[in-house]
Amino acid sequence: MIHTMSLRDTNWACSRKELIEAALRQKPGLRHADYNLGRAEMQIGNDSVAAEHFQQATKTETDPEVLQQSWFQLGIVYRRLHRMPEAQQAMATFQKLKDQEAESSQKQLKRFQVQQESAAQPTDQDSNPN
């Protein structure tokens, strides 16, 4: 698979990377920094460096959505680097996290439905006029 970017896209990605790095100098430990640097490096075509940032993000990220995306992007970068077993493992981890999220959402929905049904049922006092 050949990845082509226009000069404009490459310049934008380089600017994005520089802005993130400048922000990190001002505020080390900035949230989502490794994920965002990984994306910028990936867009520039620095897949090895991108993989390092995504690897770090999978270890330190606390936001579940960004953690999922870190695994997904890591899988893509590994595939581009022809590291297929690692790519498959990263994608499997991404899918596992997505499945866990879906299961949690379903449980929350069921709890909400039960609460709504309980609230809608009349109490003994409501049905007894005396």
C-alpha atoms as a PDB file:
ATOM      1  CA  MET A   1       0.000   0.000   0.000  1.00  0.00           C
ATOM      2  CA  ILE A   2       1.492   3.334  -1.006  1.00  0.00           C
ATOM      3  CA  HIS A   3       0.781   6.332   1.169  1.00  0.00           C
ATOM      4  CA  THR A   4       0.857   9.623  -0.643  1.00  0.00           C
ATOM      5  CA  MET A   5       0.361  13.003   0.900  1.00  0.00           C
ATOM      6  CA  SER A   6       0.329  16.345  -0.748  1.00  0.00           C
ATOM      7  CA  LEU A   7       2.962  18.862   0.238  1.00  0.00           C
ATOM      8  CA  ARG A   8       0.215  20.859   1.933  1.00  0.00           C
ATOM      9  CA  ASP A   9      -0.841  17.842   4.037  1.00  0.00           C
ATOM     10  CA  THR A  10       2.764  17.110   4.976  1.00  0.00           C
ATOM     11  CA  ASN A  11       3.337  20.728   5.992  1.00  0.00           C
ATOM     12  CA  TRP A  12       0.157  20.666   8.063  1.00  0.00           C
ATOM     13  CA  ALA A  13       1.248  17.467   9.822  1.00  0.00           C
ATOM     14  CA  CYS A  14       4.711  18.920  10.505  1.00  0.00           C
ATOM     15  CA  SER A  15       3.129  22.070  11.938  1.00  0.00           C
ATOM     16  CA  ARG A  16       0.834  19.978  14.093  1.00  0.00           C
ATOM     17  CA  LYS A  17       3.801  18.007  15.409  1.00  0.00           C
ATOM     18  CA  GLU A  18       5.721  21.210  16.184  1.00  0.00           C
ATOM     19  CA  LEU A  19       2.732  22.677  18.023  1.00  0.00           C
ATOM     20  CA  ILE A  20       2.320  19.557  20.161  1.00  0.00           C
ATOM     21  CA  GLU A  21       6.028  19.502  20.966  1.00  0.00           C
ATOM     22  CA  ALA A  22       5.925  23.204  21.915  1.00  0.00           C
ATOM     23  CA  ALA A  23       2.918  22.581  24.146  1.00  0.00           C
ATOM     24  CA  LEU A  24       4.776  19.719  25.832  1.00  0.00           C
ATOM     25  CA  ARG A  25       7.722  22.011  26.569  1.00  0.00           C
ATOM     26  CA  GLN A  26       5.282  24.376  28.273  1.00  0.00           C
ATOM     27  CA  LYS A  27       3.309  21.657  30.020  1.00  0.00           C
ATOM     28  CA  PRO A  28       5.046  18.267  30.302  1.00  0.00           C
ATOM     29  CA  GLY A  29       2.576  15.436  30.760  1.00  0.00           C
ATOM     30  CA  LEU A  30      -0.026  17.047  28.514  1.00  0.00           C
ATOM     31  CA  ARG A  31      -3.036  14.761  28.059  1.00  0.00           C
ATOM     32  CA  HIS A  32      -3.143  12.681  24.876  1.00  0.00           C
ATOM     33  CA  ALA A  33       0.303  13.944  23.818  1.00  0.00           C
ATOM     34  CA  ASP A  34       1.666  10.554  22.791  1.00  0.00           C
ATOM     35  CA  TYR A  35      -1.456   9.722  20.812  1.00  0.00           C
ATOM     36  CA  ASN A  36      -1.417  13.086  19.020  1.00  0.00           C
ATOM     37  CA  LEU A  37       2.321  12.929  18.332  1.00  0.00           C
ATOM     38  CA  GLY A  38       1.818   9.412  16.989  1.00  0.00           C
ATOM     39  CA  ARG A  39      -0.864  10.654  14.618  1.00  0.00           C
ATOM     40  CA  ALA A  40       1.334  13.537  13.446  1.00  0.00           C
ATOM     41  CA  GLU A  41       4.354  11.265  12.895  1.00  0.00           C
ATOM     42  CA  MET A  42       2.138   8.793  11.073  1.00  0.00           C
ATOM     43  CA  GLN A  43       0.838  11.497   8.745  1.00  0.00           C
ATOM     44  CA  ILE A  44       4.382  12.628   7.987  1.00  0.00           C
ATOM     45  CA  GLY A  45       5.352   9.034   7.249  1.00  0.00           C
ATOM     46  CA  ASN A  46       7.581   8.464  10.278  1.00  0.00           C
ATOM     47  CA  ASP A  47       5.933   5.157  11.105  1.00  0.00           C
ATOM     48  CA  SER A  48       8.654   3.875  13.444  1.00  0.00           C
ATOM     49  CA  VAL A  49       8.477   7.017  15.563  1.00  0.00           C
ATOM     50  CA  ALA A  50       4.679   6.936  15.408  1.00  0.00           C
ATOM     51  CA  ALA A  51       4.730   3.353  16.715  1.00  0.00           C
ATOM     52  CA  GLU A  52       6.828   4.453  19.707  1.00  0.00           C
ATOM     53  CA  HIS A  53       4.309   7.178  20.589  1.00  0.00           C
ATOM     54  CA  PHE A  54       1.325   4.847  20.186  1.00  0.00           C
ATOM     55  CA  GLN A  55       3.069   2.191  22.301  1.00  0.00           C
ATOM     56  CA  GLN A  56       3.555   4.757  25.043  1.00  0.00           C
ATOM     57  CA  ALA A  57      -0.063   5.912  24.731  1.00  0.00           C
ATOM     58  CA  THR A  58      -1.306   2.326  25.190  1.00  0.00           C
ATOM     59  CA  LYS A  59       0.579   2.227  28.506  1.00  0.00           C
ATOM     60  CA  THR A  60      -0.324   5.644  29.900  1.00  0.00           C
ATOM     61  CA  GLU A  61      -3.608   6.782  28.355  1.00  0.00           C
ATOM     62  CA  THR A  62      -6.509   7.044  30.804  1.00  0.00           C
ATOM     63  CA  ASP A  63      -9.249   8.165  28.395  1.00  0.00           C
ATOM     64  CA  PRO A  64     -10.934   4.935  27.180  1.00  0.00           C
ATOM     65  CA  GLU A  65     -11.706   6.287  23.702  1.00  0.00           C
ATOM     66  CA  VAL A  66      -8.166   7.559  23.130  1.00  0.00           C
ATOM     67  CA  LEU A  67      -6.791   4.289  24.494  1.00  0.00           C
ATOM     68  CA  GLN A  68      -8.863   2.357  21.958  1.00  0.00           C
ATOM     69  CA  GLN A  69      -7.722   4.610  19.135  1.00  0.00           C
ATOM     70  CA  SER A  70      -4.104   4.260  20.275  1.00  0.00           C
ATOM     71  CA  TRP A  71      -4.342   0.489  19.840  1.00  0.00           C
ATOM     72  CA  PHE A  72      -6.092   0.891  16.481  1.00  0.00           C
ATOM     73  CA  GLN A  73      -3.514   3.338  15.125  1.00  0.00           C
ATOM     74  CA  LEU A  74      -0.693   1.174  16.488  1.00  0.00           C
ATOM     75  CA  GLY A  75      -2.121  -1.740  14.503  1.00  0.00           C
ATOM     76  CA  ILE A  76      -2.171   0.345  11.335  1.00  0.00           C
ATOM     77  CA  VAL A  77       1.407   1.537  11.837  1.00  0.00           C
ATOM     78  CA  TYR A  78       2.615  -1.995  12.544  1.00  0.00           C
ATOM     79  CA  ARG A  79       0.948  -3.161   9.340  1.00  0.00           C
ATOM     80  CA  ARG A  80       2.657  -0.370   7.401  1.00  0.00           C
ATOM     81  CA  LEU A  81       5.956  -1.480   8.954  1.00  0.00           C
ATOM     82  CA  HIS A  82       5.220  -5.091   7.884  1.00  0.00           C
ATOM     83  CA  ARG A  83       5.116  -6.227  11.513  1.00  0.00           C
ATOM     84  CA  MET A  84       2.056  -8.393  10.977  1.00  0.00           C
ATOM     85  CA  PRO A  85       1.937 -10.424  14.231  1.00  0.00           C
ATOM     86  CA  GLU A  86       2.180  -7.196  16.238  1.00  0.00           C
ATOM     87  CA  ALA A  87      -0.407  -5.552  13.999  1.00  0.00           C
ATOM     88  CA  GLN A  88      -2.815  -8.439  14.573  1.00  0.00           C
ATOM     89  CA  GLN A  89      -2.254  -8.294  18.339  1.00  0.00           C
ATOM     90  CA  ALA A  90      -2.827  -4.534  18.440  1.00  0.00           C
ATOM     91  CA  MET A  91      -6.042  -4.880  16.429  1.00  0.00           C
ATOM     92  CA  ALA A  92      -7.199  -7.735  18.667  1.00  0.00           C
ATOM     93  CA  THR A  93      -6.637  -5.543  21.728  1.00  0.00           C
ATOM     94  CA  PHE A  94      -8.529  -2.701  20.052  1.00  0.00           C
ATOM     95  CA  GLN A  95     -11.454  -5.047  19.295  1.00  0.00           C
ATOM     96  CA  LYS A  96     -11.442  -6.419  22.848  1.00  0.00           C
ATOM     97  CA  LEU A  97     -11.662  -2.876  24.245  1.00  0.00           C
ATOM     98  CA  LYS A  98     -14.485  -2.020  21.827  1.00  0.00           C
ATOM     99  CA  ASP A  99     -16.383  -5.168  22.824  1.00  0.00           C
ATOM    100  CA  GLN A 100     -15.955  -4.341  26.519  1.00  0.00           C
ATOM    101  CA  GLU A 101     -17.255  -0.828  25.864  1.00  0.00           C
ATOM    102  CA  ALA A 102     -20.291  -2.178  23.998  1.00  0.00           C
ATOM    103  CA  GLU A 103     -21.027  -4.660  26.794  1.00  0.00           C
ATOM    104  CA  SER A 104     -20.774  -1.907  29.400  1.00  0.00           C
ATOM    105  CA  SER A 105     -23.102   0.309  27.364  1.00  0.00           C
ATOM    106  CA  GLN A 106     -25.647  -2.491  27.100  1.00  0.00           C
ATOM    107  CA  LYS A 107     -25.545  -3.025  30.871  1.00  0.00           C
ATOM    108  CA  GLN A 108     -26.036   0.698  31.474  1.00  0.00           C
ATOM    109  CA  LEU A 109     -28.962   0.740  29.062  1.00  0.00           C
ATOM    110  CA  LYS A 110     -30.601  -2.218  30.814  1.00  0.00           C
ATOM    111  CA  ARG A 111     -30.167  -0.558  34.231  1.00  0.00           C
ATOM    112  CA  PHE A 112     -31.706   2.634  32.854  1.00  0.00           C
ATOM    113  CA  GLN A 113     -34.651   0.713  31.380  1.00  0.00           C
ATOM    114  CA  VAL A 114     -35.269  -1.042  34.699  1.00  0.00           C
ATOM    115  CA  GLN A 115     -35.194   2.303  36.527  1.00  0.00           C
ATOM    116  CA  GLN A 116     -37.617   3.809  34.020  1.00  0.00           C
ATOM    117  CA  GLU A 117     -39.992   0.854  34.322  1.00  0.00           C
ATOM    118  CA  SER A 118     -39.846   1.035  38.138  1.00  0.00           C
ATOM    119  CA  ALA A 119     -40.578   4.752  38.092  1.00  0.00           C
ATOM    120  CA  ALA A 120     -43.511   4.279  35.693  1.00  0.00           C
ATOM    121  CA  GLN A 121     -45.259   1.611  37.797  1.00  0.00           C
ATOM    122  CA  PRO A 122     -47.854   2.956  40.205  1.00  0.00           C
ATOM    123  CA  THR A 123     -47.200   2.421  43.897  1.00  0.00           C
ATOM    124  CA  ASP A 124     -49.804   0.949  46.261  1.00  0.00           C
ATOM    125  CA  GLN A 125     -50.606   4.461  47.483  1.00  0.00           C
ATOM    126  CA  ASP A 126     -51.237   5.676  43.941  1.00  0.00           C
ATOM    127  CA  SER A 127     -53.735   2.898  43.204  1.00  0.00           C
ATOM    128  CA  ASN A 128     -55.554   2.954  46.565  1.00  0.00           C
ATOM    129  CA  PRO A 129     -57.712   6.077  46.951  1.00  0.00           C
ATOM    130  CA  ASN A 130     -58.247   5.475  50.741  1.00  0.00           C
END
